[in-house]
Amino acid sequence: MHELGIMTGVMEAVELSARDAGADKVLKVSLSVGLMTEAIEDALRFAFEALSEGTLCEGATLEVAMVAPRSTCLECGAEYAHDRFHMLCPECGGFATKLIAGKELRIDSIEVDIPEHEPSA
């Protein structure tokens, strides 16, 4: 289950960013994950729940946007959407393609709670 490894890296980055911002709690984490990574959304959610126990992320909402694959044909220049298995260009039938979307693994945003500090007297 490589989702556990993926989410371990995500959680480390989120925790570091939250601490650097002075947050005492992470409220929401938004990710974009390409379908070509073969990560399974439910497994990512399970890993997030398991790894967040006892951390700043405990109780946070995980928002996952799964990104469909898109490619550009290197022969005719067409840009098109496809699934994981059918990547041939629908315009010319070419097989020389460049994947331009669908392999992402990106933290889009982190929503945190930063405690208000009492003014010094």
C-alpha atoms as a PDB file:
ATOM      1  CA  MET A   1       0.000   0.000   0.000  1.00  0.00           C
ATOM      2  CA  HIS A   2       2.054   2.940  -1.255  1.00  0.00           C
ATOM      3  CA  GLU A   3      -0.670   5.316  -0.060  1.00  0.00           C
ATOM      4  CA  LEU A   4       0.750   5.040   3.460  1.00  0.00           C
ATOM      5  CA  GLY A   5       4.142   6.209   2.189  1.00  0.00           C
ATOM      6  CA  ILE A   6       2.553   9.014   0.191  1.00  0.00           C
ATOM      7  CA  MET A   7       0.519  10.198   3.149  1.00  0.00           C
ATOM      8  CA  THR A   8       3.527   9.993   5.487  1.00  0.00           C
ATOM      9  CA  GLY A   9       5.309  12.545   3.293  1.00  0.00           C
ATOM     10  CA  VAL A  10       2.201  14.716   3.044  1.00  0.00           C
ATOM     11  CA  MET A  11       1.703  14.667   6.815  1.00  0.00           C
ATOM     12  CA  GLU A  12       5.347  15.618   7.462  1.00  0.00           C
ATOM     13  CA  ALA A  13       5.053  18.614   5.119  1.00  0.00           C
ATOM     14  CA  VAL A  14       1.694  19.682   6.577  1.00  0.00           C
ATOM     15  CA  GLU A  15       2.897  19.427  10.181  1.00  0.00           C
ATOM     16  CA  LEU A  16       6.064  21.399   9.395  1.00  0.00           C
ATOM     17  CA  SER A  17       4.109  24.153   7.613  1.00  0.00           C
ATOM     18  CA  ALA A  18       1.515  24.326  10.385  1.00  0.00           C
ATOM     19  CA  ARG A  19       4.170  24.606  13.101  1.00  0.00           C
ATOM     20  CA  ASP A  20       6.066  27.249  11.101  1.00  0.00           C
ATOM     21  CA  ALA A  21       2.832  29.267  10.896  1.00  0.00           C
ATOM     22  CA  GLY A  22       2.347  29.024  14.667  1.00  0.00           C
ATOM     23  CA  ALA A  23      -0.748  26.855  14.355  1.00  0.00           C
ATOM     24  CA  ASP A  24      -1.984  24.657  17.152  1.00  0.00           C
ATOM     25  CA  LYS A  25      -4.347  22.651  14.922  1.00  0.00           C
ATOM     26  CA  VAL A  26      -4.777  21.711  11.262  1.00  0.00           C
ATOM     27  CA  LEU A  27      -8.414  22.030  10.174  1.00  0.00           C
ATOM     28  CA  LYS A  28      -8.273  20.936   6.534  1.00  0.00           C
ATOM     29  CA  VAL A  29      -5.775  19.555   4.023  1.00  0.00           C
ATOM     30  CA  SER A  30      -6.528  19.752   0.284  1.00  0.00           C
ATOM     31  CA  LEU A  31      -4.625  17.502  -2.131  1.00  0.00           C
ATOM     32  CA  SER A  32      -4.554  16.957  -5.889  1.00  0.00           C
ATOM     33  CA  VAL A  33      -3.647  13.395  -6.799  1.00  0.00           C
ATOM     34  CA  GLY A  34      -3.269  12.178 -10.375  1.00  0.00           C
ATOM     35  CA  LEU A  35      -4.964   8.952 -11.381  1.00  0.00           C
ATOM     36  CA  MET A  36      -1.720   7.843 -13.046  1.00  0.00           C
ATOM     37  CA  THR A  37      -0.064   7.640  -9.594  1.00  0.00           C
ATOM     38  CA  GLU A  38      -2.363   4.634  -9.053  1.00  0.00           C
ATOM     39  CA  ALA A  39      -3.107   5.917  -5.550  1.00  0.00           C
ATOM     40  CA  ILE A  40      -6.516   4.874  -4.276  1.00  0.00           C
ATOM     41  CA  GLU A  41      -8.523   7.687  -2.699  1.00  0.00           C
ATOM     42  CA  ASP A  42     -10.051   5.515   0.061  1.00  0.00           C
ATOM     43  CA  ALA A  43      -6.599   4.200   1.000  1.00  0.00           C
ATOM     44  CA  LEU A  44      -5.253   7.778   1.162  1.00  0.00           C
ATOM     45  CA  ARG A  45      -8.117   8.711   3.484  1.00  0.00           C
ATOM     46  CA  PHE A  46      -7.494   5.661   5.675  1.00  0.00           C
ATOM     47  CA  ALA A  47      -3.774   6.471   5.900  1.00  0.00           C
ATOM     48  CA  PHE A  48      -4.557  10.106   6.771  1.00  0.00           C
ATOM     49  CA  GLU A  49      -6.893   9.027   9.591  1.00  0.00           C
ATOM     50  CA  ALA A  50      -4.367   6.540  10.968  1.00  0.00           C
ATOM     51  CA  LEU A  51      -1.363   8.859  10.764  1.00  0.00           C
ATOM     52  CA  SER A  52      -3.149  11.930  12.126  1.00  0.00           C
ATOM     53  CA  GLU A  53      -3.903  10.419  15.548  1.00  0.00           C
ATOM     54  CA  GLY A  54      -2.073  12.408  18.216  1.00  0.00           C
ATOM     55  CA  THR A  55      -0.837  15.065  15.764  1.00  0.00           C
ATOM     56  CA  LEU A  56      -1.868  18.601  14.795  1.00  0.00           C
ATOM     57  CA  CYS A  57      -3.928  16.966  12.010  1.00  0.00           C
ATOM     58  CA  GLU A  58      -6.109  14.867  14.288  1.00  0.00           C
ATOM     59  CA  GLY A  59      -9.741  15.577  13.397  1.00  0.00           C
ATOM     60  CA  ALA A  60      -8.813  17.540  10.262  1.00  0.00           C
ATOM     61  CA  THR A  61     -10.770  17.179   7.033  1.00  0.00           C
ATOM     62  CA  LEU A  62      -8.955  15.665   4.057  1.00  0.00           C
ATOM     63  CA  GLU A  63     -10.099  16.930   0.659  1.00  0.00           C
ATOM     64  CA  VAL A  64      -8.797  14.894  -2.292  1.00  0.00           C
ATOM     65  CA  ALA A  65      -9.215  15.974  -5.921  1.00  0.00           C
ATOM     66  CA  MET A  66      -8.386  13.096  -8.262  1.00  0.00           C
ATOM     67  CA  VAL A  67      -6.860  14.477 -11.497  1.00  0.00           C
ATOM     68  CA  ALA A  68      -7.691  12.713 -14.752  1.00  0.00           C
ATOM     69  CA  PRO A  69      -4.860  12.049 -17.207  1.00  0.00           C
ATOM     70  CA  ARG A  70      -4.278  14.388 -20.157  1.00  0.00           C
ATOM     71  CA  SER A  71      -1.626  14.053 -22.811  1.00  0.00           C
ATOM     72  CA  THR A  72      -0.239  15.901 -25.800  1.00  0.00           C
ATOM     73  CA  CYS A  73       0.505  14.003 -28.997  1.00  0.00           C
ATOM     74  CA  LEU A  74       4.109  14.580 -30.044  1.00  0.00           C
ATOM     75  CA  GLU A  75       3.210  13.767 -33.654  1.00  0.00           C
ATOM     76  CA  CYS A  76       0.194  16.020 -34.358  1.00  0.00           C
ATOM     77  CA  GLY A  77       0.104  18.268 -31.264  1.00  0.00           C
ATOM     78  CA  ALA A  78      -3.426  17.295 -30.165  1.00  0.00           C
ATOM     79  CA  GLU A  79      -4.190  17.570 -26.448  1.00  0.00           C
ATOM     80  CA  TYR A  80      -6.653  15.019 -25.098  1.00  0.00           C
ATOM     81  CA  ALA A  81      -8.010  13.265 -22.014  1.00  0.00           C
ATOM     82  CA  HIS A  82      -7.660   9.504 -21.628  1.00  0.00           C
ATOM     83  CA  ASP A  83      -7.677   6.739 -19.040  1.00  0.00           C
ATOM     84  CA  ARG A  84      -4.675   4.855 -17.645  1.00  0.00           C
ATOM     85  CA  PHE A  85      -4.660   2.239 -20.389  1.00  0.00           C
ATOM     86  CA  HIS A  86      -5.651   3.989 -23.633  1.00  0.00           C
ATOM     87  CA  MET A  87      -3.112   6.696 -24.330  1.00  0.00           C
ATOM     88  CA  LEU A  88      -2.996   6.635 -28.137  1.00  0.00           C
ATOM     89  CA  CYS A  89      -3.821   9.946 -29.801  1.00  0.00           C
ATOM     90  CA  PRO A  90      -7.495  10.012 -30.825  1.00  0.00           C
ATOM     91  CA  GLU A  91      -6.700  12.407 -33.698  1.00  0.00           C
ATOM     92  CA  CYS A  92      -3.868  10.624 -35.532  1.00  0.00           C
ATOM     93  CA  GLY A  93      -3.478   7.305 -33.689  1.00  0.00           C
ATOM     94  CA  GLY A  94       0.073   8.249 -32.679  1.00  0.00           C
ATOM     95  CA  PHE A  95       1.695   6.561 -29.724  1.00  0.00           C
ATOM     96  CA  ALA A  96       4.381   9.189 -29.071  1.00  0.00           C
ATOM     97  CA  THR A  97       2.690  11.195 -26.338  1.00  0.00           C
ATOM     98  CA  LYS A  98       3.641  13.350 -23.365  1.00  0.00           C
ATOM     99  CA  LEU A  99       1.637  13.132 -20.151  1.00  0.00           C
ATOM    100  CA  ILE A 100       0.764  16.683 -19.046  1.00  0.00           C
ATOM    101  CA  ALA A 101      -1.684  15.910 -16.208  1.00  0.00           C
ATOM    102  CA  GLY A 102      -2.588  12.943 -14.066  1.00  0.00           C
ATOM    103  CA  LYS A 103       0.713  12.248 -12.292  1.00  0.00           C
ATOM    104  CA  GLU A 104       0.339  15.057  -9.708  1.00  0.00           C
ATOM    105  CA  LEU A 105       0.732  14.676  -6.006  1.00  0.00           C
ATOM    106  CA  ARG A 106       0.318  18.183  -4.678  1.00  0.00           C
ATOM    107  CA  ILE A 107      -0.730  19.796  -1.407  1.00  0.00           C
ATOM    108  CA  ASP A 108      -3.027  22.551  -2.686  1.00  0.00           C
ATOM    109  CA  SER A 109      -3.843  24.150   0.646  1.00  0.00           C
ATOM    110  CA  ILE A 110      -3.713  23.745   4.396  1.00  0.00           C
ATOM    111  CA  GLU A 111      -6.252  25.398   6.673  1.00  0.00           C
ATOM    112  CA  VAL A 112      -4.985  25.891  10.235  1.00  0.00           C
ATOM    113  CA  ASP A 113      -6.095  27.363  13.529  1.00  0.00           C
ATOM    114  CA  ILE A 114      -3.650  29.898  14.925  1.00  0.00           C
ATOM    115  CA  PRO A 115      -4.314  30.894  18.534  1.00  0.00           C
ATOM    116  CA  GLU A 116      -4.706  34.575  19.284  1.00  0.00           C
ATOM    117  CA  HIS A 117      -2.033  35.929  21.559  1.00  0.00           C
ATOM    118  CA  GLU A 118      -2.980  38.162  24.445  1.00  0.00           C
ATOM    119  CA  PRO A 119      -1.326  41.591  24.207  1.00  0.00           C
ATOM    120  CA  SER A 120       1.517  42.074  26.646  1.00  0.00           C
ATOM    121  CA  ALA A 121       0.915  44.503  29.477  1.00  0.00           C
END
